[in-house]
Amino acid sequence: MKKTLFRTVLIIILLAALIASAWCIWYIVQYYGGRSFKDNLRRIGMRDPVEIDPEVETIEIPVDFDALHAMNPDIYAWIEIPDTDISYAVLRREGDNNYYMNHAENGSYYSGGCIFSDDFNSPDMTDPVTILYGHNLRNGTMFAKLNDFVDSGVFSDHRYMYLYRPDRALVYEIFSAAPHSSEQILAEHDFTDREAYTAFFADVASVSSSAQRREDSFPTFGDRVLILSTCFRVNNQQRFLVMGRLVADIPAA
């Protein structure tokens, strides 16, 4: 009887070990497969990066949206911060705001997720405030590098971020980088209301010693703002926000 019980327990332990090992192998395979896919996607989707002169009248869009849309029509934009590793497709899935937290751009499972917006925002970038989300991955990819903007030197060296759509390029001047609570910003603040809009941007970068600001670039009511959001490196219960004010909306050539 004791031998039978011992064998049963041993078998259960071995099965549990096998299942755990299989899960670990699967996790590693999907993670590195997702990283490799993203490297290839950048080569497919983004041609040679360009420096945009906000004063130009038209621009050649350096993103192959035809190839991206053929892979996944949920891809609607491309975000880039020049001279950083941040250069990614942007996705949005109507009715499922959490989908791209753990799926790659081709729809396969990937724990590193994508850069995405939720359905509080329209994909045409005409909302008063648009927020893009991305993980703060330990390997430094996705939106991890946003945390570097807590450094005054990094902040001063990077003034603009670009968002490409098939028909236009949008240039945002970065006016603030700051930690923030984990609140759902678009659900908690009505940015169509002047007082709510003004109060949010007055407060968000003034409550922390970790904040960086460009006072002369802060938005006023009516300006369109793009916020990039990720987990704060110092406290993962907070978000870290890099915020830019739209200064150029350039049609495609």
Protein backbone atom coordinates (compact mmCIF):
# COMPACT_ATOMS: atom_id res chain seq x y z
CA MET A 1 0.00 0.00 0.00
CA LYS A 2 2.79 2.41 0.92
CA LYS A 3 4.69 1.54 -2.28
CA THR A 4 1.60 2.24 -4.37
CA LEU A 5 1.06 5.61 -2.68
CA PHE A 6 4.73 6.51 -3.12
CA ARG A 7 4.59 5.64 -6.82
CA THR A 8 1.41 7.68 -7.30
CA VAL A 9 2.93 10.72 -5.62
CA LEU A 10 6.14 10.31 -7.64
CA ILE A 11 4.18 10.10 -10.90
CA ILE A 12 2.22 13.25 -9.99
CA ILE A 13 5.46 15.11 -9.21
CA LEU A 14 7.04 13.99 -12.48
CA LEU A 15 3.97 15.03 -14.48
CA ALA A 16 3.93 18.42 -12.77
CA ALA A 17 7.63 18.86 -13.55
CA LEU A 18 7.07 17.92 -17.19
CA ILE A 19 4.16 20.35 -17.50
CA ALA A 20 6.18 23.14 -15.88
CA SER A 21 9.15 22.43 -18.14
CA ALA A 22 6.94 22.40 -21.24
CA TRP A 23 5.38 25.72 -20.21
CA CYS A 24 8.81 27.29 -19.66
CA ILE A 25 10.02 26.08 -23.06
CA TRP A 26 6.86 27.38 -24.75
CA TYR A 27 7.20 30.75 -23.00
CA ILE A 28 10.83 31.13 -24.05
CA VAL A 29 10.07 30.09 -27.63
CA GLN A 30 7.14 32.52 -28.02
CA TYR A 31 9.11 35.34 -26.39
CA TYR A 32 12.17 35.07 -28.61
CA GLY A 33 9.99 34.32 -31.62
CA GLY A 34 8.07 37.54 -30.93
CA ARG A 35 11.29 39.55 -30.62
CA SER A 36 12.58 38.17 -33.90
CA PHE A 37 9.28 38.92 -35.59
CA LYS A 38 9.38 42.54 -34.41
CA ASP A 39 12.90 42.99 -35.75
CA ASN A 40 11.75 41.71 -39.13
CA LEU A 41 8.61 43.85 -39.03
CA ARG A 42 10.67 46.99 -38.55
CA ARG A 43 12.66 46.15 -41.67
CA ILE A 44 9.47 45.44 -43.61
CA GLY A 45 7.38 48.36 -42.37
CA MET A 46 9.81 51.22 -41.88
CA ARG A 47 12.04 52.45 -44.67
CA ASP A 48 15.05 54.62 -43.86
CA PRO A 49 14.00 56.98 -41.03
CA VAL A 50 13.88 60.66 -41.94
CA GLU A 51 14.19 63.87 -39.97
CA ILE A 52 11.04 65.90 -40.50
CA ASP A 53 11.12 69.63 -41.02
CA PRO A 54 7.82 70.80 -39.45
CA GLU A 55 7.67 73.59 -42.02
CA VAL A 56 7.48 71.36 -45.13
CA GLU A 57 4.19 71.27 -47.04
CA THR A 58 4.16 67.57 -47.96
CA ILE A 59 6.20 64.51 -47.05
CA GLU A 60 7.03 61.08 -48.45
CA ILE A 61 5.72 58.64 -45.85
CA PRO A 62 8.61 56.25 -44.96
CA VAL A 63 6.27 53.42 -43.87
CA ASP A 64 4.97 50.64 -46.10
CA PHE A 65 1.37 50.63 -44.89
CA ASP A 66 0.26 48.39 -47.76
CA ALA A 67 2.50 45.59 -46.47
CA LEU A 68 1.43 46.22 -42.88
CA HIS A 69 -2.29 46.26 -43.67
CA ALA A 70 -1.95 43.05 -45.68
CA MET A 71 -0.62 41.41 -42.53
CA ASN A 72 -3.09 42.98 -40.09
CA PRO A 73 -5.66 45.73 -40.78
CA ASP A 74 -5.57 46.66 -37.07
CA ILE A 75 -2.26 48.44 -37.78
CA TYR A 76 -3.19 52.08 -38.28
CA ALA A 77 -0.04 54.10 -37.54
CA TRP A 78 3.68 54.00 -36.86
CA ILE A 79 5.27 55.77 -33.87
CA GLU A 80 8.89 56.91 -33.88
CA ILE A 81 11.08 58.95 -31.56
CA PRO A 82 14.16 59.88 -33.59
CA ASP A 83 17.53 58.71 -32.29
CA THR A 84 15.97 56.12 -29.99
CA ASP A 85 14.95 52.47 -30.40
CA ILE A 86 11.29 53.47 -30.31
CA SER A 87 9.99 52.76 -33.80
CA TYR A 88 6.91 50.52 -33.87
CA ALA A 89 3.62 49.84 -35.56
CA VAL A 90 0.56 51.05 -33.65
CA LEU A 91 -2.54 48.89 -33.40
CA ARG A 92 -6.11 49.13 -32.17
CA ARG A 93 -8.74 46.40 -31.79
CA GLU A 94 -12.29 47.66 -31.50
CA GLY A 95 -14.08 46.14 -28.49
CA ASP A 96 -11.00 44.46 -26.97
CA ASN A 97 -8.63 46.97 -25.44
CA ASN A 98 -6.46 44.29 -23.81
CA TYR A 99 -5.84 42.18 -26.91
CA TYR A 100 -2.53 43.72 -27.94
CA MET A 101 -1.14 43.63 -24.43
CA ASN A 102 -0.13 40.04 -25.19
CA HIS A 103 -0.32 39.61 -28.96
CA ALA A 104 2.15 40.46 -31.71
CA GLU A 105 1.33 42.55 -34.76
CA ASN A 106 0.41 39.45 -36.76
CA GLY A 107 -2.07 38.32 -34.08
CA SER A 108 0.06 35.52 -32.63
CA TYR A 109 0.46 35.27 -28.86
CA TYR A 110 3.44 37.26 -27.60
CA SER A 111 3.83 38.23 -23.95
CA GLY A 112 5.66 41.43 -24.92
CA GLY A 113 2.57 42.71 -26.73
CA CYS A 114 2.41 45.66 -29.15
CA ILE A 115 2.16 49.40 -29.07
CA PHE A 116 -1.57 50.07 -29.06
CA SER A 117 -4.35 52.50 -28.30
CA ASP A 118 -7.77 51.63 -26.97
CA ASP A 119 -11.22 52.40 -28.27
CA PHE A 120 -11.57 55.52 -26.16
CA ASN A 121 -9.52 57.03 -29.00
CA SER A 122 -10.28 57.36 -32.68
CA PRO A 123 -7.50 56.08 -34.98
CA ASP A 124 -7.59 59.27 -37.04
CA MET A 125 -5.66 61.12 -34.29
CA THR A 126 -8.18 63.97 -34.05
CA ASP A 127 -9.02 63.52 -30.35
CA PRO A 128 -7.82 66.19 -27.92
CA VAL A 129 -5.65 63.55 -26.23
CA THR A 130 -4.54 60.23 -27.71
CA ILE A 131 -2.70 57.68 -25.57
CA LEU A 132 -0.46 54.89 -26.85
CA TYR A 133 0.44 52.06 -24.48
CA GLY A 134 3.43 49.73 -24.47
CA HIS A 135 5.17 47.40 -22.03
CA ASN A 136 8.35 48.31 -20.19
CA LEU A 137 10.28 45.15 -21.10
CA ARG A 138 13.46 44.22 -19.27
CA ASN A 139 15.34 43.82 -22.54
CA GLY A 140 14.82 47.53 -23.21
CA THR A 141 12.37 47.12 -26.09
CA MET A 142 8.83 48.40 -26.64
CA PHE A 143 8.31 51.50 -24.47
CA ALA A 144 11.03 50.70 -21.91
CA LYS A 145 13.20 53.55 -23.23
CA LEU A 146 10.55 56.10 -22.29
CA ASN A 147 11.85 55.81 -18.74
CA ASP A 148 15.17 57.26 -19.92
CA PHE A 149 13.37 60.60 -20.33
CA VAL A 150 13.47 61.02 -16.57
CA ASP A 151 17.06 62.14 -17.21
CA SER A 152 17.28 65.83 -18.07
CA GLY A 153 19.98 65.20 -20.69
CA VAL A 154 17.91 62.62 -22.54
CA PHE A 155 14.87 64.87 -22.34
CA SER A 156 16.69 67.90 -23.73
CA ASP A 157 18.26 65.86 -26.56
CA HIS A 158 14.90 64.56 -27.87
CA ARG A 159 12.46 67.29 -28.78
CA TYR A 160 10.09 65.61 -31.25
CA MET A 161 8.22 62.39 -31.82
CA TYR A 162 6.63 61.40 -35.12
CA LEU A 163 3.45 59.52 -35.82
CA TYR A 164 2.90 58.33 -39.38
CA ARG A 165 -0.48 57.55 -40.90
CA PRO A 166 -0.94 56.37 -44.50
CA ASP A 167 -1.98 59.86 -45.58
CA ARG A 168 0.07 62.13 -43.30
CA ALA A 169 2.88 62.63 -40.81
CA LEU A 170 2.16 64.18 -37.42
CA VAL A 171 4.96 65.92 -35.51
CA TYR A 172 4.62 66.30 -31.74
CA GLU A 173 6.90 68.49 -29.65
CA ILE A 174 7.67 66.74 -26.36
CA PHE A 175 6.72 69.05 -23.51
CA SER A 176 6.77 66.73 -20.50
CA ALA A 177 7.99 63.39 -19.19
CA ALA A 178 6.67 62.39 -15.78
CA PRO A 179 5.45 59.53 -13.60
CA HIS A 180 1.72 59.32 -13.09
CA SER A 181 -0.79 57.14 -11.29
CA SER A 182 -2.16 53.99 -12.91
CA GLU A 183 -5.56 55.60 -13.48
CA GLN A 184 -7.33 55.11 -16.81
CA ILE A 185 -6.68 58.68 -17.94
CA LEU A 186 -9.20 58.84 -20.78
CA ALA A 187 -11.96 57.42 -18.58
CA GLU A 188 -11.22 59.76 -15.67
CA HIS A 189 -10.73 63.05 -17.55
CA ASP A 190 -12.95 64.78 -20.10
CA PHE A 191 -10.46 66.51 -22.36
CA THR A 192 -13.24 68.15 -24.35
CA ASP A 193 -13.85 70.29 -21.26
CA ARG A 194 -11.56 73.32 -21.01
CA GLU A 195 -11.19 73.22 -17.22
CA ALA A 196 -10.49 69.48 -17.12
CA TYR A 197 -7.98 69.75 -19.96
CA THR A 198 -6.13 72.68 -18.38
CA ALA A 199 -6.10 71.15 -14.89
CA PHE A 200 -4.70 67.82 -16.06
CA PHE A 201 -1.69 69.26 -17.85
CA ALA A 202 -1.08 71.80 -15.09
CA ASP A 203 -0.95 69.05 -12.49
CA VAL A 204 0.51 66.00 -14.19
CA ALA A 205 4.10 67.21 -14.46
CA SER A 206 4.22 69.31 -11.31
CA VAL A 207 3.64 66.63 -8.65
CA SER A 208 6.92 64.74 -8.92
CA SER A 209 10.61 65.51 -8.62
CA SER A 210 11.13 63.00 -11.47
CA ALA A 211 9.28 65.19 -13.98
CA GLN A 212 10.89 66.97 -16.95
CA ARG A 213 9.19 69.94 -18.58
CA ARG A 214 9.45 72.38 -21.48
CA GLU A 215 7.44 75.28 -20.18
CA ASP A 216 7.23 77.07 -23.54
CA SER A 217 5.80 73.98 -25.24
CA PHE A 218 2.92 73.14 -22.88
CA PRO A 219 -0.46 72.76 -24.59
CA THR A 220 -3.43 75.04 -24.21
CA PHE A 221 -7.02 74.00 -24.69
CA GLY A 222 -7.57 73.17 -28.35
CA ASP A 223 -4.10 71.68 -28.88
CA ARG A 224 -3.93 68.00 -29.73
CA VAL A 225 -1.71 65.94 -27.46
CA LEU A 226 -0.11 62.52 -27.85
CA ILE A 227 0.82 60.62 -24.67
CA LEU A 228 3.07 57.55 -24.64
CA SER A 229 2.48 55.45 -21.54
CA THR A 230 4.41 52.60 -19.94
CA CYS A 231 5.21 51.23 -16.47
CA PHE A 232 7.46 53.46 -14.36
CA ARG A 233 10.86 51.81 -13.83
CA VAL A 234 11.09 53.05 -10.24
CA ASN A 235 7.58 51.96 -9.22
CA ASN A 236 5.64 49.53 -11.40
CA GLN A 237 2.40 50.60 -9.72
CA GLN A 238 2.76 53.91 -11.57
CA ARG A 239 2.87 54.82 -15.24
CA PHE A 240 5.53 56.93 -16.93
CA LEU A 241 4.20 59.37 -19.50
CA VAL A 242 6.02 61.12 -22.33
CA MET A 243 3.74 63.81 -23.73
CA GLY A 244 3.89 65.81 -26.94
CA ARG A 245 1.89 68.69 -28.43
CA LEU A 246 1.00 68.54 -32.13
CA VAL A 247 3.02 71.16 -33.99
CA ALA A 248 2.78 69.92 -37.59
CA ASP A 249 0.24 67.91 -39.56
CA ILE A 250 1.89 67.24 -42.93
CA PRO A 251 -0.03 65.59 -45.81
CA ALA A 252 1.62 62.77 -47.73
CA ALA A 253 3.23 63.76 -51.01
